[in-house]
Amino acid sequence: MTVAEWLHFKYQAARTLGRMIRWLSNWPDVWSAYRAARPTPTLKFRSGLTLHHGLHDSPVSLLREVFGEQQYRRHIKSPSEGVMIDLGANIGSVTLDWASRSRRLRVHAYEPNPLTNSVLRRNIEANNLADRVTVHDEAVGREAGQVRLWTNVNSMTVTAYGVRPPAPEAVATCVPIIDLNEVVRRAGGGPIALLKMDTEGAEADTLEGASTATLEALRQIILEYHETLCPNASARCKNILERAGFRCLVRPLNENHGLIYARREPQKSRA
């Protein structure tokens, strides 16, 4: 390891420790496990939230992305009420963050990986949010049917895209899939205060399969695009959103992966 690499490693470790101290009441236990590469204990937040996780989950990465870097709070107006849809909810970090801060917000959370979905449900119950969060077990894409997911891998990378398994231990699991039109219908038809999408390659197909009425029901969108799984995903998503009346801000995280924040342009008043 070079001196530059060592310094970078120490810098990142210090940032991780800082996030743990800021957000977690049990940070000494979490930090100790992290440093020793032991299984991470349940995350207990100073706010009172509890985040359970399983063998294939990445709680420290979720702490960084959702709470430390606040990737799903930026560049949007925080809804205090109404309906939020969380596609690719994983174990529920974004759903918990929004539902716990906005008491009049109802959330529909979709997670098709059966094992991850069970952890999501556990987190909703553990944080007393079952009256405001509805959990669904379908994938969401261009059209309804069945789809193969590669599971038994890191839950943040479970995908239906890619012909080959992402790892030797990956298992093909068949799950039901619905389109965005059905998702919005289940949520009452709109308006939808916020749509969050982290669907590991399905983002462009999902938007392109949505009707005009469905897109009109959406007020704000945060989506994660994955060019390695879906080539040209960023441009495809941005194109359909801008044609639907959204103003888009693209924030690359690396060459093939990033976030798009989309808000509706305010209606111009007529003289």
C-alpha atoms as a PDB file:
ATOM      1  CA  MET A   1       0.000   0.000   0.000  1.00  0.00           C
ATOM      2  CA  THR A   2       1.368   3.401  -0.979  1.00  0.00           C
ATOM      3  CA  VAL A   3       1.419   6.364   1.387  1.00  0.00           C
ATOM      4  CA  ALA A   4      -1.346   8.026  -0.649  1.00  0.00           C
ATOM      5  CA  GLU A   5      -3.501   4.895  -0.445  1.00  0.00           C
ATOM      6  CA  TRP A   6      -2.890   4.616   3.301  1.00  0.00           C
ATOM      7  CA  LEU A   7      -3.863   8.242   3.854  1.00  0.00           C
ATOM      8  CA  HIS A   8      -7.019   7.794   1.758  1.00  0.00           C
ATOM      9  CA  PHE A   9      -7.958   4.685   3.759  1.00  0.00           C
ATOM     10  CA  LYS A  10      -7.474   6.534   7.051  1.00  0.00           C
ATOM     11  CA  TYR A  11      -9.474   9.508   5.788  1.00  0.00           C
ATOM     12  CA  GLN A  12     -12.409   7.321   4.762  1.00  0.00           C
ATOM     13  CA  ALA A  13     -12.279   5.446   8.075  1.00  0.00           C
ATOM     14  CA  ALA A  14     -12.385   8.749   9.962  1.00  0.00           C
ATOM     15  CA  ARG A  15     -15.413   9.867   7.955  1.00  0.00           C
ATOM     16  CA  THR A  16     -17.164   6.564   8.652  1.00  0.00           C
ATOM     17  CA  LEU A  17     -16.475   6.931  12.373  1.00  0.00           C
ATOM     18  CA  GLY A  18     -17.763  10.505  12.296  1.00  0.00           C
ATOM     19  CA  ARG A  19     -21.033   9.403  10.698  1.00  0.00           C
ATOM     20  CA  MET A  20     -21.478   6.661  13.262  1.00  0.00           C
ATOM     21  CA  ILE A  21     -20.884   9.036  16.171  1.00  0.00           C
ATOM     22  CA  ARG A  22     -23.294  11.598  14.743  1.00  0.00           C
ATOM     23  CA  TRP A  23     -26.170   9.252  13.913  1.00  0.00           C
ATOM     24  CA  LEU A  24     -25.914   6.157  16.122  1.00  0.00           C
ATOM     25  CA  SER A  25     -26.432   5.767  19.858  1.00  0.00           C
ATOM     26  CA  ASN A  26     -24.638   2.391  19.758  1.00  0.00           C
ATOM     27  CA  TRP A  27     -21.766   3.629  17.621  1.00  0.00           C
ATOM     28  CA  PRO A  28     -19.015   2.081  19.822  1.00  0.00           C
ATOM     29  CA  ASP A  29     -20.403  -1.414  19.163  1.00  0.00           C
ATOM     30  CA  VAL A  30     -20.933  -0.741  15.456  1.00  0.00           C
ATOM     31  CA  TRP A  31     -17.470   0.800  15.037  1.00  0.00           C
ATOM     32  CA  SER A  32     -15.796  -2.061  16.897  1.00  0.00           C
ATOM     33  CA  ALA A  33     -17.494  -4.626  14.656  1.00  0.00           C
ATOM     34  CA  TYR A  34     -16.670  -2.599  11.534  1.00  0.00           C
ATOM     35  CA  ARG A  35     -12.975  -2.325  12.420  1.00  0.00           C
ATOM     36  CA  ALA A  36     -12.712  -6.033  13.237  1.00  0.00           C
ATOM     37  CA  ALA A  37     -14.724  -7.106  10.158  1.00  0.00           C
ATOM     38  CA  ARG A  38     -17.259  -8.798  12.413  1.00  0.00           C
ATOM     39  CA  PRO A  39     -21.012  -8.916  11.689  1.00  0.00           C
ATOM     40  CA  THR A  40     -22.508  -5.453  12.160  1.00  0.00           C
ATOM     41  CA  PRO A  41     -24.976  -5.166  15.047  1.00  0.00           C
ATOM     42  CA  THR A  42     -28.424  -3.650  14.590  1.00  0.00           C
ATOM     43  CA  LEU A  43     -28.105   0.102  13.984  1.00  0.00           C
ATOM     44  CA  LYS A  44     -29.734   2.120  16.775  1.00  0.00           C
ATOM     45  CA  PHE A  45     -30.152   5.765  15.823  1.00  0.00           C
ATOM     46  CA  ARG A  46     -30.066   8.711  18.192  1.00  0.00           C
ATOM     47  CA  SER A  47     -33.457   9.701  16.748  1.00  0.00           C
ATOM     48  CA  GLY A  48     -34.953   6.453  18.034  1.00  0.00           C
ATOM     49  CA  LEU A  49     -34.961   4.560  14.728  1.00  0.00           C
ATOM     50  CA  THR A  50     -33.814   0.945  14.630  1.00  0.00           C
ATOM     51  CA  LEU A  51     -32.385  -0.618  11.458  1.00  0.00           C
ATOM     52  CA  HIS A  52     -32.218  -4.407  11.453  1.00  0.00           C
ATOM     53  CA  HIS A  53     -30.331  -6.117   8.655  1.00  0.00           C
ATOM     54  CA  GLY A  54     -29.370  -9.555   7.398  1.00  0.00           C
ATOM     55  CA  LEU A  55     -26.351 -11.451   6.136  1.00  0.00           C
ATOM     56  CA  HIS A  56     -26.483  -9.979   2.611  1.00  0.00           C
ATOM     57  CA  ASP A  57     -27.276  -6.384   3.614  1.00  0.00           C
ATOM     58  CA  SER A  58     -24.913  -3.386   3.816  1.00  0.00           C
ATOM     59  CA  PRO A  59     -26.000  -1.268   6.795  1.00  0.00           C
ATOM     60  CA  VAL A  60     -22.826   0.839   6.944  1.00  0.00           C
ATOM     61  CA  SER A  61     -23.183   1.759   3.255  1.00  0.00           C
ATOM     62  CA  LEU A  62     -26.841   2.668   3.831  1.00  0.00           C
ATOM     63  CA  LEU A  63     -25.841   4.815   6.805  1.00  0.00           C
ATOM     64  CA  ARG A  64     -23.439   6.699   4.536  1.00  0.00           C
ATOM     65  CA  GLU A  65     -25.726   7.121   1.511  1.00  0.00           C
ATOM     66  CA  VAL A  66     -29.083   7.768   3.170  1.00  0.00           C
ATOM     67  CA  PHE A  67     -28.179   9.524   6.409  1.00  0.00           C
ATOM     68  CA  GLY A  68     -24.577  10.743   6.120  1.00  0.00           C
ATOM     69  CA  GLU A  69     -24.631  12.030   2.532  1.00  0.00           C
ATOM     70  CA  GLN A  70     -28.437  12.445   2.518  1.00  0.00           C
ATOM     71  CA  GLN A  71     -28.607  11.452  -1.136  1.00  0.00           C
ATOM     72  CA  TYR A  72     -32.390  11.117  -0.976  1.00  0.00           C
ATOM     73  CA  ARG A  73     -33.070  14.501   0.608  1.00  0.00           C
ATOM     74  CA  ARG A  74     -31.151  16.750  -1.787  1.00  0.00           C
ATOM     75  CA  HIS A  75     -32.543  18.993  -4.506  1.00  0.00           C
ATOM     76  CA  ILE A  76     -36.195  18.334  -3.661  1.00  0.00           C
ATOM     77  CA  LYS A  77     -38.861  19.862  -1.474  1.00  0.00           C
ATOM     78  CA  SER A  78     -39.381  17.630   1.552  1.00  0.00           C
ATOM     79  CA  PRO A  79     -43.030  16.490   1.550  1.00  0.00           C
ATOM     80  CA  SER A  80     -44.709  16.890   4.941  1.00  0.00           C
ATOM     81  CA  GLU A  81     -47.818  14.969   3.896  1.00  0.00           C
ATOM     82  CA  GLY A  82     -49.300  12.944   1.066  1.00  0.00           C
ATOM     83  CA  VAL A  83     -47.958   9.769  -0.541  1.00  0.00           C
ATOM     84  CA  MET A  84     -44.414   8.599  -1.217  1.00  0.00           C
ATOM     85  CA  ILE A  85     -43.501   5.555  -3.312  1.00  0.00           C
ATOM     86  CA  ASP A  86     -40.227   3.732  -2.640  1.00  0.00           C
ATOM     87  CA  LEU A  87     -39.247   1.377  -5.483  1.00  0.00           C
ATOM     88  CA  GLY A  88     -36.328  -0.824  -4.504  1.00  0.00           C
ATOM     89  CA  ALA A  89     -36.875  -0.175  -0.808  1.00  0.00           C
ATOM     90  CA  ASN A  90     -34.213  -2.700   0.253  1.00  0.00           C
ATOM     91  CA  ILE A  91     -34.345  -3.037   4.068  1.00  0.00           C
ATOM     92  CA  GLY A  92     -36.167   0.276   4.416  1.00  0.00           C
ATOM     93  CA  SER A  93     -33.570   2.943   5.191  1.00  0.00           C
ATOM     94  CA  VAL A  94     -35.092   5.596   2.892  1.00  0.00           C
ATOM     95  CA  THR A  95     -38.654   4.672   3.861  1.00  0.00           C
ATOM     96  CA  LEU A  96     -37.776   4.892   7.569  1.00  0.00           C
ATOM     97  CA  ASP A  97     -36.006   8.219   7.090  1.00  0.00           C
ATOM     98  CA  TRP A  98     -38.952   9.853   5.312  1.00  0.00           C
ATOM     99  CA  ALA A  99     -41.770   8.261   7.306  1.00  0.00           C
ATOM    100  CA  SER A 100     -40.175   9.081  10.661  1.00  0.00           C
ATOM    101  CA  ARG A 101     -39.649  12.759   9.770  1.00  0.00           C
ATOM    102  CA  SER A 102     -42.987  13.390   8.062  1.00  0.00           C
ATOM    103  CA  ARG A 103     -45.758  12.115  10.309  1.00  0.00           C
ATOM    104  CA  ARG A 104     -48.531  12.726   7.770  1.00  0.00           C
ATOM    105  CA  LEU A 105     -46.703  10.980   4.949  1.00  0.00           C
ATOM    106  CA  ARG A 106     -47.888   7.550   3.783  1.00  0.00           C
ATOM    107  CA  VAL A 107     -45.398   5.275   2.029  1.00  0.00           C
ATOM    108  CA  HIS A 108     -45.774   2.381  -0.406  1.00  0.00           C
ATOM    109  CA  ALA A 109     -42.504   0.413  -0.277  1.00  0.00           C
ATOM    110  CA  TYR A 110     -41.671  -2.183  -2.967  1.00  0.00           C
ATOM    111  CA  GLU A 111     -38.966  -4.821  -2.467  1.00  0.00           C
ATOM    112  CA  PRO A 112     -39.051  -7.993  -4.618  1.00  0.00           C
ATOM    113  CA  ASN A 113     -36.143  -9.894  -3.029  1.00  0.00           C
ATOM    114  CA  PRO A 114     -37.947 -12.254  -0.603  1.00  0.00           C
ATOM    115  CA  LEU A 115     -35.207 -12.277   2.038  1.00  0.00           C
ATOM    116  CA  THR A 116     -34.739  -8.509   1.937  1.00  0.00           C
ATOM    117  CA  ASN A 117     -38.502  -7.968   1.984  1.00  0.00           C
ATOM    118  CA  SER A 118     -38.722  -9.896   5.257  1.00  0.00           C
ATOM    119  CA  VAL A 119     -36.110  -7.599   6.830  1.00  0.00           C
ATOM    120  CA  LEU A 120     -37.974  -4.559   5.469  1.00  0.00           C
ATOM    121  CA  ARG A 121     -41.184  -5.731   7.136  1.00  0.00           C
ATOM    122  CA  ARG A 122     -39.311  -6.320  10.387  1.00  0.00           C
ATOM    123  CA  ASN A 123     -37.973  -2.763  10.313  1.00  0.00           C
ATOM    124  CA  ILE A 124     -41.410  -1.283   9.652  1.00  0.00           C
ATOM    125  CA  GLU A 125     -42.831  -3.176  12.636  1.00  0.00           C
ATOM    126  CA  ALA A 126     -39.855  -2.391  14.883  1.00  0.00           C
ATOM    127  CA  ASN A 127     -40.290   1.336  14.263  1.00  0.00           C
ATOM    128  CA  ASN A 128     -44.093   1.306  14.713  1.00  0.00           C
ATOM    129  CA  LEU A 129     -44.751   2.473  11.156  1.00  0.00           C
ATOM    130  CA  ALA A 130     -47.103  -0.275   9.972  1.00  0.00           C
ATOM    131  CA  ASP A 131     -50.069   2.113  10.037  1.00  0.00           C
ATOM    132  CA  ARG A 132     -48.393   4.433   7.496  1.00  0.00           C
ATOM    133  CA  VAL A 133     -46.144   2.143   5.444  1.00  0.00           C
ATOM    134  CA  THR A 134     -47.515  -0.525   3.100  1.00  0.00           C
ATOM    135  CA  VAL A 135     -44.974  -3.124   1.976  1.00  0.00           C
ATOM    136  CA  HIS A 136     -45.300  -4.833  -1.427  1.00  0.00           C
ATOM    137  CA  ASP A 137     -43.299  -7.812  -2.697  1.00  0.00           C
ATOM    138  CA  GLU A 138     -43.365  -7.201  -6.467  1.00  0.00           C
ATOM    139  CA  ALA A 139     -40.661  -5.915  -8.760  1.00  0.00           C
ATOM    140  CA  VAL A 140     -41.595  -2.896 -10.897  1.00  0.00           C
ATOM    141  CA  GLY A 141     -40.734  -2.547 -14.581  1.00  0.00           C
ATOM    142  CA  ARG A 142     -42.103  -1.925 -18.063  1.00  0.00           C
ATOM    143  CA  GLU A 143     -44.978  -4.427 -17.941  1.00  0.00           C
ATOM    144  CA  ALA A 144     -46.639  -6.969 -15.668  1.00  0.00           C
ATOM    145  CA  GLY A 145     -45.597 -10.608 -15.552  1.00  0.00           C
ATOM    146  CA  GLN A 146     -42.808 -12.625 -13.967  1.00  0.00           C
ATOM    147  CA  VAL A 147     -39.118 -11.768 -13.797  1.00  0.00           C
ATOM    148  CA  ARG A 148     -35.945 -13.542 -12.694  1.00  0.00           C
ATOM    149  CA  LEU A 149     -33.887 -11.880  -9.963  1.00  0.00           C
ATOM    150  CA  TRP A 150     -30.330 -12.792  -9.070  1.00  0.00           C
ATOM    151  CA  THR A 151     -30.477 -13.147  -5.277  1.00  0.00           C
ATOM    152  CA  ASN A 152     -28.247 -14.542  -2.500  1.00  0.00           C
ATOM    153  CA  VAL A 153     -25.814 -11.671  -3.158  1.00  0.00           C
ATOM    154  CA  ASN A 154     -25.388  -8.213  -1.618  1.00  0.00           C
ATOM    155  CA  SER A 155     -28.977  -6.979  -1.353  1.00  0.00           C
ATOM    156  CA  MET A 156     -28.034  -3.549  -2.721  1.00  0.00           C
ATOM    157  CA  THR A 157     -27.021  -5.162  -6.033  1.00  0.00           C
ATOM    158  CA  VAL A 158     -29.891  -7.636  -6.578  1.00  0.00           C
ATOM    159  CA  THR A 159     -31.025  -7.199 -10.183  1.00  0.00           C
ATOM    160  CA  ALA A 160     -33.152  -8.703 -12.928  1.00  0.00           C
ATOM    161  CA  TYR A 161     -30.710  -7.357 -15.523  1.00  0.00           C
ATOM    162  CA  GLY A 162     -27.702  -9.281 -16.743  1.00  0.00           C
ATOM    163  CA  VAL A 163     -27.651 -12.677 -18.435  1.00  0.00           C
ATOM    164  CA  ARG A 164     -24.933 -14.137 -16.233  1.00  0.00           C
ATOM    165  CA  PRO A 165     -25.098 -14.460 -12.441  1.00  0.00           C
ATOM    166  CA  PRO A 166     -23.238 -11.582 -10.737  1.00  0.00           C
ATOM    167  CA  ALA A 167     -21.434 -13.992  -8.385  1.00  0.00           C
ATOM    168  CA  PRO A 168     -20.901 -17.768  -8.135  1.00  0.00           C
ATOM    169  CA  GLU A 169     -23.248 -17.984  -5.162  1.00  0.00           C
ATOM    170  CA  ALA A 170     -26.075 -16.071  -6.901  1.00  0.00           C
ATOM    171  CA  VAL A 171     -29.444 -17.814  -7.066  1.00  0.00           C
ATOM    172  CA  ALA A 172     -32.102 -17.198  -9.737  1.00  0.00           C
ATOM    173  CA  THR A 173     -35.432 -16.376  -8.082  1.00  0.00           C
ATOM    174  CA  CYS A 174     -38.673 -15.808 -10.006  1.00  0.00           C
ATOM    175  CA  VAL A 175     -40.852 -12.979  -8.661  1.00  0.00           C
ATOM    176  CA  PRO A 176     -43.950 -11.117  -9.889  1.00  0.00           C
ATOM    177  CA  ILE A 177     -43.485  -7.778 -11.639  1.00  0.00           C
ATOM    178  CA  ILE A 178     -45.959  -4.934 -12.199  1.00  0.00           C
ATOM    179  CA  ASP A 179     -45.751  -1.618 -14.028  1.00  0.00           C
ATOM    180  CA  LEU A 180     -45.672   1.914 -12.641  1.00  0.00           C
ATOM    181  CA  ASN A 181     -49.280   2.476 -13.679  1.00  0.00           C
ATOM    182  CA  GLU A 182     -50.406  -0.208 -11.213  1.00  0.00           C
ATOM    183  CA  VAL A 183     -48.114   1.180  -8.508  1.00  0.00           C
ATOM    184  CA  VAL A 184     -49.686   4.632  -8.775  1.00  0.00           C
ATOM    185  CA  ARG A 185     -53.190   3.161  -8.965  1.00  0.00           C
ATOM    186  CA  ARG A 186     -52.619   1.275  -5.707  1.00  0.00           C
ATOM    187  CA  ALA A 187     -51.401   4.486  -4.090  1.00  0.00           C
ATOM    188  CA  GLY A 188     -54.682   6.232  -4.893  1.00  0.00           C
ATOM    189  CA  GLY A 189     -53.923   7.530  -8.361  1.00  0.00           C
ATOM    190  CA  GLY A 190     -52.032  10.613  -7.246  1.00  0.00           C
ATOM    191  CA  PRO A 191     -50.789  13.119  -6.660  1.00  0.00           C
ATOM    192  CA  ILE A 192     -47.612  11.358  -5.543  1.00  0.00           C
ATOM    193  CA  ALA A 193     -45.462  13.726  -3.483  1.00  0.00           C
ATOM    194  CA  LEU A 194     -42.243  11.780  -4.085  1.00  0.00           C
ATOM    195  CA  LEU A 195     -41.172   8.750  -6.115  1.00  0.00           C
ATOM    196  CA  LYS A 196     -37.834   7.175  -5.219  1.00  0.00           C
ATOM    197  CA  MET A 197     -36.389   4.554  -7.577  1.00  0.00           C
ATOM    198  CA  ASP A 198     -33.354   2.345  -7.002  1.00  0.00           C
ATOM    199  CA  THR A 199     -34.245  -0.666  -9.101  1.00  0.00           C
ATOM    200  CA  GLU A 200     -30.829  -1.827 -10.344  1.00  0.00           C
ATOM    201  CA  GLY A 201     -31.273  -1.350 -14.083  1.00  0.00           C
ATOM    202  CA  ALA A 202     -35.075  -1.225 -14.375  1.00  0.00           C
ATOM    203  CA  GLU A 203     -35.356   2.557 -14.091  1.00  0.00           C
ATOM    204  CA  ALA A 204     -35.578   3.419 -17.814  1.00  0.00           C
ATOM    205  CA  ASP A 205     -37.951   0.566 -18.678  1.00  0.00           C
ATOM    206  CA  THR A 206     -40.188   1.514 -15.751  1.00  0.00           C
ATOM    207  CA  LEU A 207     -40.549   5.137 -16.841  1.00  0.00           C
ATOM    208  CA  GLU A 208     -40.950   4.259 -20.525  1.00  0.00           C
ATOM    209  CA  GLY A 209     -43.765   1.848 -19.647  1.00  0.00           C
ATOM    210  CA  ALA A 210     -45.699   4.497 -17.710  1.00  0.00           C
ATOM    211  CA  SER A 211     -48.730   6.237 -19.177  1.00  0.00           C
ATOM    212  CA  THR A 212     -49.003   9.999 -19.537  1.00  0.00           C
ATOM    213  CA  ALA A 213     -51.546  10.056 -16.712  1.00  0.00           C
ATOM    214  CA  THR A 214     -49.188   8.152 -14.421  1.00  0.00           C
ATOM    215  CA  LEU A 215     -46.309  10.534 -15.070  1.00  0.00           C
ATOM    216  CA  GLU A 216     -48.620  13.503 -14.523  1.00  0.00           C
ATOM    217  CA  ALA A 217     -49.495  12.116 -11.080  1.00  0.00           C
ATOM    218  CA  LEU A 218     -45.858  12.402  -9.954  1.00  0.00           C
ATOM    219  CA  ARG A 219     -44.587  15.609  -8.372  1.00  0.00           C
ATOM    220  CA  GLN A 220     -40.951  14.796  -7.560  1.00  0.00           C
ATOM    221  CA  ILE A 221     -38.628  11.915  -8.413  1.00  0.00           C
ATOM    222  CA  ILE A 222     -35.265  10.727  -7.146  1.00  0.00           C
ATOM    223  CA  LEU A 223     -33.893   7.841  -9.191  1.00  0.00           C
ATOM    224  CA  GLU A 224     -30.621   5.987  -9.289  1.00  0.00           C
ATOM    225  CA  TYR A 225     -29.412   4.993 -12.748  1.00  0.00           C
ATOM    226  CA  HIS A 226     -27.091   2.089 -13.581  1.00  0.00           C
ATOM    227  CA  GLU A 227     -25.447   2.316 -17.001  1.00  0.00           C
ATOM    228  CA  THR A 228     -23.598  -0.999 -16.627  1.00  0.00           C
ATOM    229  CA  LEU A 229     -26.921  -2.823 -16.225  1.00  0.00           C
ATOM    230  CA  CYS A 230     -28.955  -0.628 -18.575  1.00  0.00           C
ATOM    231  CA  PRO A 231     -26.879   1.200 -21.230  1.00  0.00           C
ATOM    232  CA  ASN A 232     -27.883   4.834 -21.786  1.00  0.00           C
ATOM    233  CA  ALA A 233     -30.193   4.701 -18.754  1.00  0.00           C
ATOM    234  CA  SER A 234     -29.450   8.270 -17.674  1.00  0.00           C
ATOM    235  CA  ALA A 235     -30.297   9.802 -21.061  1.00  0.00           C
ATOM    236  CA  ARG A 236     -33.407   7.645 -21.471  1.00  0.00           C
ATOM    237  CA  CYS A 237     -34.753   8.594 -18.040  1.00  0.00           C
ATOM    238  CA  LYS A 238     -33.924  12.270 -18.449  1.00  0.00           C
ATOM    239  CA  ASN A 239     -35.559  12.375 -21.880  1.00  0.00           C
ATOM    240  CA  ILE A 240     -38.895  10.931 -20.778  1.00  0.00           C
ATOM    241  CA  LEU A 241     -38.993  13.035 -17.603  1.00  0.00           C
ATOM    242  CA  GLU A 242     -38.284  16.294 -19.410  1.00  0.00           C
ATOM    243  CA  ARG A 243     -40.941  15.494 -22.000  1.00  0.00           C
ATOM    244  CA  ALA A 244     -43.346  14.906 -19.107  1.00  0.00           C
ATOM    245  CA  GLY A 245     -42.669  18.392 -17.725  1.00  0.00           C
ATOM    246  CA  PHE A 246     -39.939  17.747 -15.158  1.00  0.00           C
ATOM    247  CA  ARG A 247     -36.805  19.788 -14.588  1.00  0.00           C
ATOM    248  CA  CYS A 248     -33.939  17.302 -14.127  1.00  0.00           C
ATOM    249  CA  LEU A 249     -30.637  17.548 -12.294  1.00  0.00           C
ATOM    250  CA  VAL A 250     -28.166  14.725 -13.017  1.00  0.00           C
ATOM    251  CA  ARG A 251     -25.551  13.970 -10.355  1.00  0.00           C
ATOM    252  CA  PRO A 252     -23.051  11.275 -11.477  1.00  0.00           C
ATOM    253  CA  LEU A 253     -21.472   9.231  -8.677  1.00  0.00           C
ATOM    254  CA  ASN A 254     -19.021   7.633 -11.095  1.00  0.00           C
ATOM    255  CA  GLU A 255     -18.748   7.003 -14.841  1.00  0.00           C
ATOM    256  CA  ASN A 256     -21.679   4.568 -14.981  1.00  0.00           C
ATOM    257  CA  HIS A 257     -23.776   5.298 -11.932  1.00  0.00           C
ATOM    258  CA  GLY A 258     -25.535   8.308 -10.483  1.00  0.00           C
ATOM    259  CA  LEU A 259     -28.720  10.029  -9.392  1.00  0.00           C
ATOM    260  CA  ILE A 260     -31.357  12.072 -11.188  1.00  0.00           C
ATOM    261  CA  TYR A 261     -33.424  14.559  -9.204  1.00  0.00           C
ATOM    262  CA  ALA A 262     -36.593  15.620 -11.027  1.00  0.00           C
ATOM    263  CA  ARG A 263     -39.156  18.255 -10.061  1.00  0.00           C
ATOM    264  CA  ARG A 264     -42.092  19.601 -11.984  1.00  0.00           C
ATOM    265  CA  GLU A 265     -41.696  23.034 -13.478  1.00  0.00           C
ATOM    266  CA  PRO A 266     -44.044  25.469 -11.711  1.00  0.00           C
ATOM    267  CA  GLN A 267     -47.131  26.325 -13.714  1.00  0.00           C
ATOM    268  CA  LYS A 268     -46.898  29.735 -15.340  1.00  0.00           C
ATOM    269  CA  SER A 269     -49.734  32.023 -14.402  1.00  0.00           C
ATOM    270  CA  ARG A 270     -51.860  33.357 -17.215  1.00  0.00           C
ATOM    271  CA  ALA A 271     -52.402  37.072 -17.531  1.00  0.00           C
END
